[in-house]
Amino acid sequence: MVVVNTKKILVLTGVALLVFFLVTQPTQSAGIVTNIIDTLKEAAEAVITFVRTVFSG
């Protein structure tokens, strides 16, 4: 009997797709990574602003 580890298969498939896109479309991949980093930065700044506002008043 073969036990299929779905999580492992999904992770390996995701990594394979990531490598494929990095090799075949490096410029677009860099743009996507930059957009993700910018979004995370904006979210962190929003949380910081919220916390400062809560504790300043």
Protein backbone atom coordinates (compact mmCIF):
# COMPACT_ATOMS: atom_id res chain seq x y z
CA MET A 1 0.00 0.00 0.00
CA VAL A 2 1.35 3.41 -0.99
CA VAL A 3 0.74 6.29 1.40
CA VAL A 4 0.46 9.60 -0.42
CA ASN A 5 1.64 12.59 1.54
CA THR A 6 -0.46 15.34 -0.04
CA LYS A 7 1.27 18.19 1.77
CA LYS A 8 4.70 17.04 0.57
CA ILE A 9 3.46 16.70 -3.02
CA LEU A 10 1.92 20.19 -2.94
CA VAL A 11 5.09 21.74 -1.51
CA LEU A 12 7.30 20.04 -4.09
CA THR A 13 4.94 21.09 -6.89
CA GLY A 14 4.99 24.68 -5.64
CA VAL A 15 8.78 24.72 -5.47
CA ALA A 16 9.01 23.23 -8.99
CA LEU A 17 6.66 25.92 -10.34
CA LEU A 18 8.63 28.63 -8.58
CA VAL A 19 11.91 27.43 -10.07
CA PHE A 20 10.29 27.12 -13.50
CA PHE A 21 9.04 30.71 -13.43
CA LEU A 22 12.35 32.02 -12.08
CA VAL A 23 14.22 30.37 -14.95
CA THR A 24 11.79 31.16 -17.76
CA GLN A 25 10.62 34.63 -16.68
CA PRO A 26 13.18 36.21 -14.34
CA THR A 27 12.10 39.82 -14.92
CA GLN A 28 8.44 39.17 -14.18
CA SER A 29 9.38 37.01 -11.17
CA ALA A 30 11.49 39.84 -9.77
CA GLY A 31 8.58 42.23 -10.23
CA ILE A 32 6.24 39.90 -8.35
CA VAL A 33 8.70 39.54 -5.48
CA THR A 34 9.13 43.32 -5.33
CA ASN A 35 5.35 43.78 -5.20
CA ILE A 36 5.03 41.24 -2.39
CA ILE A 37 7.78 42.94 -0.38
CA ASP A 38 6.19 46.37 -0.92
CA THR A 39 2.81 45.04 0.23
CA LEU A 40 4.34 43.52 3.37
CA LYS A 41 6.17 46.78 4.08
CA GLU A 42 2.97 48.82 3.73
CA ALA A 43 1.10 46.40 6.00
CA ALA A 44 3.83 46.65 8.65
CA GLU A 45 3.78 50.45 8.45
CA ALA A 46 -0.01 50.43 8.87
CA VAL A 47 0.26 48.25 11.99
CA ILE A 48 2.96 50.52 13.42
CA THR A 49 0.81 53.59 12.76
CA PHE A 50 -2.16 51.90 14.44
CA VAL A 51 -0.17 50.96 17.54
CA ARG A 52 1.33 54.44 17.82
CA THR A 53 -2.14 55.99 17.52
CA VAL A 54 -3.57 53.70 20.20
CA PHE A 55 -0.81 54.47 22.70
CA SER A 56 -0.44 58.18 21.97
CA GLY A 57 -3.92 59.23 22.96
